Protein backbone atom coordinates (compact mmCIF):
# COMPACT_ATOMS: atom_id res chain seq x y z
CA TYR A 1 105.97 94.03 87.25
CA VAL A 2 109.02 93.95 89.40
CA ASN A 3 108.88 97.70 89.93
CA ILE A 4 105.74 97.42 92.15
CA TYR A 5 107.62 95.16 94.64
CA ILE A 6 110.71 97.13 94.54
CA TYR A 7 108.66 100.60 95.35
CA MET A 8 106.88 98.70 98.15
CA TYR A 9 109.87 97.14 99.75
CA VAL A 10 111.67 100.40 99.54
CA CYS A 11 108.54 102.25 100.78
CA MET A 12 108.30 99.82 103.94
CA TYR A 13 112.05 99.70 104.46
CA ILE A 14 112.54 103.81 104.67
CA CYS A 15 109.61 104.04 106.96
CA VAL A 16 110.50 101.28 109.33
CA TYR A 17 114.14 102.43 109.15
CA MET A 18 113.17 106.06 109.99
CA TYR A 19 111.08 105.23 112.98
CA VAL A 20 109.88 108.81 113.61
CA CYS A 21 107.75 108.85 110.57
CA THR A 22 106.21 112.27 109.75
CA TYR A 23 103.16 113.18 107.60
CA ILE A 24 105.24 114.61 104.98
CA TYR A 25 106.94 111.25 104.27
CA MET A 26 103.43 109.73 104.29
CA TYR A 27 102.40 111.92 101.46
CA VAL A 28 105.64 111.37 99.63
CA CYS A 29 104.78 107.68 99.88
CA MET A 30 101.40 108.29 98.50
CA TYR A 31 102.58 110.52 95.75
CA ILE A 32 105.02 107.70 94.58
CA CYS A 33 102.20 105.31 94.75
CA VAL A 34 99.77 107.46 92.67
CA TYR A 35 102.62 108.25 90.21
CA MET A 36 103.22 104.82 89.55
CA TYR A 37 99.90 104.38 87.81
CA VAL A 38 100.03 100.66 87.99
CA CYS A 39 99.37 100.93 91.83
CA THR A 40 96.05 99.50 93.24
CA TYR A 41 94.27 100.77 96.01
CA ILE A 42 95.44 97.83 98.18
CA TYR A 43 98.99 99.03 97.73
CA MET A 44 98.14 102.61 98.44
CA TYR A 45 96.35 101.62 101.63
CA VAL A 46 99.28 99.42 102.80
CA CYS A 47 101.80 102.07 102.01
CA ILE A 48 99.61 104.67 103.93
CA TYR A 49 99.16 102.15 106.82
CA ILE A 50 102.87 101.51 107.08
CA CYS A 51 103.97 105.03 106.68
CA VAL A 52 101.70 105.94 109.71
CA CYS A 53 104.26 103.91 111.65
CA ILE A 54 101.84 102.25 113.90
């Protein structure tokens, strides 16, 4: 599924571009991930990890 990659790149891109990442955005990121259903735990953790903006 191409959708998974699209969502992942969008999530990463937005988070990196924002620089000042908030918890709200992190939850949105998680929400999208859960909403996709096809999403794996690996993707969810990667999404959260990136959205924490380390």
